[in-house]
Amino acid sequence: MSHEIPEDLFYTESHEYLQVDDGTGTIGLTAYACSELNEIIYLELPEEAAELRQGEPMGSVEAVKAVFDLNSPCSGEVIEVNNQAVENPQIVIDDPYGEGWLVKVKIDDPDELDALMTSDDYEVHCAKEAH
Protein backbone atom coordinates (compact mmCIF):
# COMPACT_ATOMS: atom_id res chain seq x y z
CA MET A 1 0.00 0.00 0.00
CA SER A 2 1.42 3.33 -1.03
CA HIS A 3 -0.25 5.39 1.68
CA GLU A 4 1.78 6.29 4.69
CA ILE A 5 0.31 4.79 7.88
CA PRO A 6 2.44 5.89 10.84
CA GLU A 7 2.59 3.21 13.54
CA ASP A 8 2.37 5.58 16.51
CA LEU A 9 -1.10 6.90 15.67
CA PHE A 10 -4.65 5.72 16.28
CA TYR A 11 -7.17 5.55 13.42
CA THR A 12 -10.93 5.69 12.83
CA GLU A 13 -12.97 3.86 10.19
CA SER A 14 -13.82 7.27 8.71
CA HIS A 15 -10.10 8.00 8.14
CA GLU A 16 -9.23 10.42 10.90
CA TYR A 17 -6.05 9.87 12.87
CA LEU A 18 -5.26 10.69 16.47
CA GLN A 19 -1.76 11.35 17.71
CA VAL A 20 -1.58 11.21 21.49
CA ASP A 21 1.04 13.14 23.40
CA ASP A 22 0.72 13.36 27.18
CA GLY A 23 -3.08 13.71 27.31
CA THR A 24 -3.31 15.93 24.24
CA GLY A 25 -4.63 14.53 20.99
CA THR A 26 -3.83 15.90 17.56
CA ILE A 27 -6.54 15.02 15.06
CA GLY A 28 -6.08 14.99 11.32
CA LEU A 29 -7.06 13.28 8.09
CA THR A 30 -5.05 10.24 7.03
CA ALA A 31 -2.97 10.12 3.86
CA TYR A 32 -5.43 7.52 2.54
CA ALA A 33 -8.34 9.95 2.96
CA CYS A 34 -6.32 12.75 1.38
CA SER A 35 -5.48 10.62 -1.66
CA GLU A 36 -9.17 9.75 -2.05
CA LEU A 37 -10.20 13.41 -1.82
CA ASN A 38 -7.47 14.71 -4.17
CA GLU A 39 -8.39 18.30 -3.41
CA ILE A 40 -10.13 20.00 -0.50
CA ILE A 41 -12.20 23.02 -1.45
CA TYR A 42 -13.45 23.93 1.99
CA LEU A 43 -12.66 22.82 5.52
CA GLU A 44 -14.94 23.41 8.49
CA LEU A 45 -13.42 22.83 11.92
CA PRO A 46 -14.82 23.24 15.44
CA GLU A 47 -14.14 26.38 17.48
CA GLU A 48 -11.62 26.46 20.28
CA ALA A 49 -13.18 25.28 23.59
CA ALA A 50 -15.78 23.18 21.72
CA GLU A 51 -16.54 19.84 23.37
CA LEU A 52 -16.05 16.89 21.06
CA ARG A 53 -17.61 13.45 21.50
CA GLN A 54 -15.95 10.32 20.22
CA GLY A 55 -17.44 9.18 16.91
CA GLU A 56 -19.54 12.31 16.44
CA PRO A 57 -19.05 14.93 13.71
CA MET A 58 -16.69 17.78 14.61
CA GLY A 59 -16.62 19.51 11.24
CA SER A 60 -16.61 18.75 7.55
CA VAL A 61 -14.46 18.53 4.48
CA GLU A 62 -15.73 19.61 1.10
CA ALA A 63 -14.02 18.00 -1.86
CA VAL A 64 -14.78 18.37 -5.56
CA LYS A 65 -17.21 15.44 -5.57
CA ALA A 66 -18.74 15.44 -2.11
CA VAL A 67 -18.91 16.75 1.45
CA PHE A 68 -17.81 14.47 4.29
CA ASP A 69 -18.19 14.75 8.04
CA LEU A 70 -15.04 14.82 10.10
CA ASN A 71 -15.65 12.52 13.06
CA SER A 72 -13.80 12.99 16.30
CA PRO A 73 -11.66 9.99 17.30
CA CYS A 74 -11.94 10.99 20.97
CA SER A 75 -13.98 13.03 23.41
CA GLY A 76 -12.49 16.19 24.80
CA GLU A 77 -12.12 19.94 24.61
CA VAL A 78 -10.64 21.61 21.55
CA ILE A 79 -7.56 23.53 22.72
CA GLU A 80 -6.17 24.58 19.35
CA VAL A 81 -7.48 24.85 15.78
CA ASN A 82 -5.20 24.83 12.75
CA ASN A 83 -6.45 28.02 11.10
CA GLN A 84 -3.72 27.69 8.49
CA ALA A 85 -5.45 24.50 7.27
CA VAL A 86 -8.81 26.32 7.13
CA GLU A 87 -7.31 29.16 5.08
CA ASN A 88 -5.29 26.84 2.85
CA PRO A 89 -6.86 23.32 2.88
CA GLN A 90 -4.27 22.10 0.37
CA ILE A 91 -1.73 21.71 3.22
CA VAL A 92 -3.96 18.95 4.61
CA ILE A 93 -3.50 17.05 1.33
CA ASP A 94 0.20 17.90 1.01
CA ASP A 95 1.24 17.13 4.60
CA PRO A 96 -1.56 15.33 6.51
CA TYR A 97 0.67 14.17 9.39
CA GLY A 98 2.60 17.43 9.69
CA GLU A 99 1.46 20.97 8.84
CA GLY A 100 -1.96 19.65 7.80
CA TRP A 101 -3.24 18.62 11.25
CA LEU A 102 -6.77 19.84 12.06
CA VAL A 103 -7.35 20.30 15.79
CA LYS A 104 -5.69 19.59 19.12
CA VAL A 105 -7.85 18.22 21.91
CA LYS A 106 -7.48 17.72 25.64
CA ILE A 107 -8.50 14.05 25.84
CA ASP A 108 -11.26 13.36 28.40
CA ASP A 109 -11.04 9.58 28.63
CA PRO A 110 -7.88 7.70 27.59
CA ASP A 111 -9.89 4.43 27.70
CA GLU A 112 -11.67 5.57 24.52
CA LEU A 113 -8.44 4.93 22.62
CA ASP A 114 -9.18 1.20 22.93
CA ALA A 115 -12.02 1.69 20.43
CA LEU A 116 -9.67 3.04 17.76
CA MET A 117 -7.67 1.08 15.18
CA THR A 118 -3.94 0.49 15.29
CA SER A 119 -1.86 1.11 12.17
CA ASP A 120 -2.11 -2.61 11.29
CA ASP A 121 -5.91 -2.62 11.70
CA TYR A 122 -6.17 0.53 9.64
CA GLU A 123 -4.03 -0.89 6.85
CA VAL A 124 -6.41 -3.87 6.61
CA HIS A 125 -9.41 -1.50 6.70
CA CYS A 126 -8.03 0.59 3.80
CA ALA A 127 -7.20 -2.50 1.78
CA LYS A 128 -10.80 -3.72 2.16
CA GLU A 129 -12.16 -0.32 1.13
CA ALA A 130 -9.89 -0.20 -1.90
CA HIS A 131 -11.37 -3.42 -3.27
C-alpha atoms as a PDB file:
ATOM      1  CA  MET A   1       0.000   0.000   0.000  1.00  0.00           C
ATOM      2  CA  SER A   2       1.425   3.334  -1.030  1.00  0.00           C
ATOM      3  CA  HIS A   3      -0.251   5.391   1.677  1.00  0.00           C
ATOM      4  CA  GLU A   4       1.783   6.287   4.693  1.00  0.00           C
ATOM      5  CA  ILE A   5       0.313   4.793   7.875  1.00  0.00           C
ATOM      6  CA  PRO A   6       2.440   5.890  10.841  1.00  0.00           C
ATOM      7  CA  GLU A   7       2.586   3.212  13.538  1.00  0.00           C
ATOM      8  CA  ASP A   8       2.369   5.581  16.507  1.00  0.00           C
ATOM      9  CA  LEU A   9      -1.096   6.901  15.669  1.00  0.00           C
ATOM     10  CA  PHE A  10      -4.655   5.719  16.284  1.00  0.00           C
ATOM     11  CA  TYR A  11      -7.168   5.552  13.421  1.00  0.00           C
ATOM     12  CA  THR A  12     -10.931   5.692  12.826  1.00  0.00           C
ATOM     13  CA  GLU A  13     -12.968   3.857  10.194  1.00  0.00           C
ATOM     14  CA  SER A  14     -13.825   7.269   8.715  1.00  0.00           C
ATOM     15  CA  HIS A  15     -10.103   7.997   8.141  1.00  0.00           C
ATOM     16  CA  GLU A  16      -9.231  10.416  10.898  1.00  0.00           C
ATOM     17  CA  TYR A  17      -6.052   9.870  12.867  1.00  0.00           C
ATOM     18  CA  LEU A  18      -5.264  10.691  16.472  1.00  0.00           C
ATOM     19  CA  GLN A  19      -1.757  11.354  17.706  1.00  0.00           C
ATOM     20  CA  VAL A  20      -1.582  11.214  21.487  1.00  0.00           C
ATOM     21  CA  ASP A  21       1.036  13.142  23.398  1.00  0.00           C
ATOM     22  CA  ASP A  22       0.716  13.355  27.176  1.00  0.00           C
ATOM     23  CA  GLY A  23      -3.082  13.707  27.311  1.00  0.00           C
ATOM     24  CA  THR A  24      -3.308  15.929  24.237  1.00  0.00           C
ATOM     25  CA  GLY A  25      -4.632  14.526  20.989  1.00  0.00           C
ATOM     26  CA  THR A  26      -3.831  15.903  17.560  1.00  0.00           C
ATOM     27  CA  ILE A  27      -6.545  15.016  15.058  1.00  0.00           C
ATOM     28  CA  GLY A  28      -6.082  14.989  11.321  1.00  0.00           C
ATOM     29  CA  LEU A  29      -7.057  13.282   8.090  1.00  0.00           C
ATOM     30  CA  THR A  30      -5.054  10.244   7.027  1.00  0.00           C
ATOM     31  CA  ALA A  31      -2.970  10.122   3.856  1.00  0.00           C
ATOM     32  CA  TYR A  32      -5.427   7.524   2.537  1.00  0.00           C
ATOM     33  CA  ALA A  33      -8.338   9.951   2.958  1.00  0.00           C
ATOM     34  CA  CYS A  34      -6.319  12.749   1.377  1.00  0.00           C
ATOM     35  CA  SER A  35      -5.481  10.621  -1.657  1.00  0.00           C
ATOM     36  CA  GLU A  36      -9.170   9.751  -2.048  1.00  0.00           C
ATOM     37  CA  LEU A  37     -10.202  13.406  -1.820  1.00  0.00           C
ATOM     38  CA  ASN A  38      -7.472  14.708  -4.168  1.00  0.00           C
ATOM     39  CA  GLU A  39      -8.390  18.297  -3.405  1.00  0.00           C
ATOM     40  CA  ILE A  40     -10.133  19.995  -0.498  1.00  0.00           C
ATOM     41  CA  ILE A  41     -12.200  23.025  -1.452  1.00  0.00           C
ATOM     42  CA  TYR A  42     -13.450  23.933   1.992  1.00  0.00           C
ATOM     43  CA  LEU A  43     -12.662  22.816   5.521  1.00  0.00           C
ATOM     44  CA  GLU A  44     -14.937  23.412   8.488  1.00  0.00           C
ATOM     45  CA  LEU A  45     -13.421  22.828  11.922  1.00  0.00           C
ATOM     46  CA  PRO A  46     -14.821  23.243  15.444  1.00  0.00           C
ATOM     47  CA  GLU A  47     -14.142  26.381  17.478  1.00  0.00           C
ATOM     48  CA  GLU A  48     -11.619  26.459  20.282  1.00  0.00           C
ATOM     49  CA  ALA A  49     -13.179  25.283  23.588  1.00  0.00           C
ATOM     50  CA  ALA A  50     -15.782  23.175  21.717  1.00  0.00           C
ATOM     51  CA  GLU A  51     -16.544  19.842  23.374  1.00  0.00           C
ATOM     52  CA  LEU A  52     -16.048  16.887  21.060  1.00  0.00           C
ATOM     53  CA  ARG A  53     -17.606  13.445  21.501  1.00  0.00           C
ATOM     54  CA  GLN A  54     -15.952  10.315  20.220  1.00  0.00           C
ATOM     55  CA  GLY A  55     -17.442   9.176  16.911  1.00  0.00           C
ATOM     56  CA  GLU A  56     -19.539  12.311  16.437  1.00  0.00           C
ATOM     57  CA  PRO A  57     -19.053  14.934  13.705  1.00  0.00           C
ATOM     58  CA  MET A  58     -16.691  17.777  14.613  1.00  0.00           C
ATOM     59  CA  GLY A  59     -16.615  19.509  11.236  1.00  0.00           C
ATOM     60  CA  SER A  60     -16.614  18.753   7.550  1.00  0.00           C
ATOM     61  CA  VAL A  61     -14.458  18.530   4.482  1.00  0.00           C
ATOM     62  CA  GLU A  62     -15.729  19.615   1.101  1.00  0.00           C
ATOM     63  CA  ALA A  63     -14.024  17.999  -1.864  1.00  0.00           C
ATOM     64  CA  VAL A  64     -14.781  18.366  -5.562  1.00  0.00           C
ATOM     65  CA  LYS A  65     -17.213  15.440  -5.574  1.00  0.00           C
ATOM     66  CA  ALA A  66     -18.736  15.439  -2.106  1.00  0.00           C
ATOM     67  CA  VAL A  67     -18.907  16.752   1.447  1.00  0.00           C
ATOM     68  CA  PHE A  68     -17.813  14.473   4.288  1.00  0.00           C
ATOM     69  CA  ASP A  69     -18.193  14.749   8.041  1.00  0.00           C
ATOM     70  CA  LEU A  70     -15.038  14.819  10.101  1.00  0.00           C
ATOM     71  CA  ASN A  71     -15.655  12.522  13.061  1.00  0.00           C
ATOM     72  CA  SER A  72     -13.799  12.988  16.300  1.00  0.00           C
ATOM     73  CA  PRO A  73     -11.655   9.986  17.295  1.00  0.00           C
ATOM     74  CA  CYS A  74     -11.938  10.993  20.972  1.00  0.00           C
ATOM     75  CA  SER A  75     -13.984  13.034  23.414  1.00  0.00           C
ATOM     76  CA  GLY A  76     -12.486  16.193  24.804  1.00  0.00           C
ATOM     77  CA  GLU A  77     -12.118  19.943  24.608  1.00  0.00           C
ATOM     78  CA  VAL A  78     -10.637  21.609  21.549  1.00  0.00           C
ATOM     79  CA  ILE A  79      -7.564  23.528  22.722  1.00  0.00           C
ATOM     80  CA  GLU A  80      -6.173  24.575  19.348  1.00  0.00           C
ATOM     81  CA  VAL A  81      -7.483  24.845  15.785  1.00  0.00           C
ATOM     82  CA  ASN A  82      -5.203  24.826  12.750  1.00  0.00           C
ATOM     83  CA  ASN A  83      -6.447  28.020  11.096  1.00  0.00           C
ATOM     84  CA  GLN A  84      -3.718  27.689   8.488  1.00  0.00           C
ATOM     85  CA  ALA A  85      -5.454  24.504   7.272  1.00  0.00           C
ATOM     86  CA  VAL A  86      -8.807  26.319   7.131  1.00  0.00           C
ATOM     87  CA  GLU A  87      -7.307  29.158   5.075  1.00  0.00           C
ATOM     88  CA  ASN A  88      -5.288  26.837   2.846  1.00  0.00           C
ATOM     89  CA  PRO A  89      -6.861  23.325   2.884  1.00  0.00           C
ATOM     90  CA  GLN A  90      -4.271  22.104   0.372  1.00  0.00           C
ATOM     91  CA  ILE A  91      -1.728  21.710   3.215  1.00  0.00           C
ATOM     92  CA  VAL A  92      -3.959  18.951   4.611  1.00  0.00           C
ATOM     93  CA  ILE A  93      -3.504  17.051   1.334  1.00  0.00           C
ATOM     94  CA  ASP A  94       0.204  17.901   1.005  1.00  0.00           C
ATOM     95  CA  ASP A  95       1.240  17.130   4.605  1.00  0.00           C
ATOM     96  CA  PRO A  96      -1.556  15.331   6.506  1.00  0.00           C
ATOM     97  CA  TYR A  97       0.675  14.166   9.386  1.00  0.00           C
ATOM     98  CA  GLY A  98       2.599  17.434   9.685  1.00  0.00           C
ATOM     99  CA  GLU A  99       1.456  20.969   8.843  1.00  0.00           C
ATOM    100  CA  GLY A 100      -1.963  19.652   7.802  1.00  0.00           C
ATOM    101  CA  TRP A 101      -3.239  18.618  11.247  1.00  0.00           C
ATOM    102  CA  LEU A 102      -6.774  19.844  12.057  1.00  0.00           C
ATOM    103  CA  VAL A 103      -7.351  20.304  15.789  1.00  0.00           C
ATOM    104  CA  LYS A 104      -5.689  19.588  19.118  1.00  0.00           C
ATOM    105  CA  VAL A 105      -7.847  18.222  21.911  1.00  0.00           C
ATOM    106  CA  LYS A 106      -7.476  17.716  25.642  1.00  0.00           C
ATOM    107  CA  ILE A 107      -8.496  14.049  25.841  1.00  0.00           C
ATOM    108  CA  ASP A 108     -11.259  13.357  28.397  1.00  0.00           C
ATOM    109  CA  ASP A 109     -11.043   9.584  28.626  1.00  0.00           C
ATOM    110  CA  PRO A 110      -7.885   7.699  27.594  1.00  0.00           C
ATOM    111  CA  ASP A 111      -9.888   4.434  27.698  1.00  0.00           C
ATOM    112  CA  GLU A 112     -11.667   5.571  24.524  1.00  0.00           C
ATOM    113  CA  LEU A 113      -8.445   4.933  22.619  1.00  0.00           C
ATOM    114  CA  ASP A 114      -9.178   1.203  22.931  1.00  0.00           C
ATOM    115  CA  ALA A 115     -12.024   1.690  20.432  1.00  0.00           C
ATOM    116  CA  LEU A 116      -9.667   3.042  17.759  1.00  0.00           C
ATOM    117  CA  MET A 117      -7.672   1.081  15.184  1.00  0.00           C
ATOM    118  CA  THR A 118      -3.940   0.490  15.292  1.00  0.00           C
ATOM    119  CA  SER A 119      -1.862   1.108  12.168  1.00  0.00           C
ATOM    120  CA  ASP A 120      -2.110  -2.612  11.288  1.00  0.00           C
ATOM    121  CA  ASP A 121      -5.907  -2.619  11.700  1.00  0.00           C
ATOM    122  CA  TYR A 122      -6.170   0.531   9.636  1.00  0.00           C
ATOM    123  CA  GLU A 123      -4.033  -0.886   6.848  1.00  0.00           C
ATOM    124  CA  VAL A 124      -6.407  -3.872   6.607  1.00  0.00           C
ATOM    125  CA  HIS A 125      -9.411  -1.504   6.702  1.00  0.00           C
ATOM    126  CA  CYS A 126      -8.028   0.591   3.805  1.00  0.00           C
ATOM    127  CA  ALA A 127      -7.196  -2.503   1.775  1.00  0.00           C
ATOM    128  CA  LYS A 128     -10.800  -3.718   2.156  1.00  0.00           C
ATOM    129  CA  GLU A 129     -12.164  -0.319   1.134  1.00  0.00           C
ATOM    130  CA  ALA A 130      -9.891  -0.201  -1.904  1.00  0.00           C
ATOM    131  CA  HIS A 131     -11.366  -3.424  -3.275  1.00  0.00           C
END
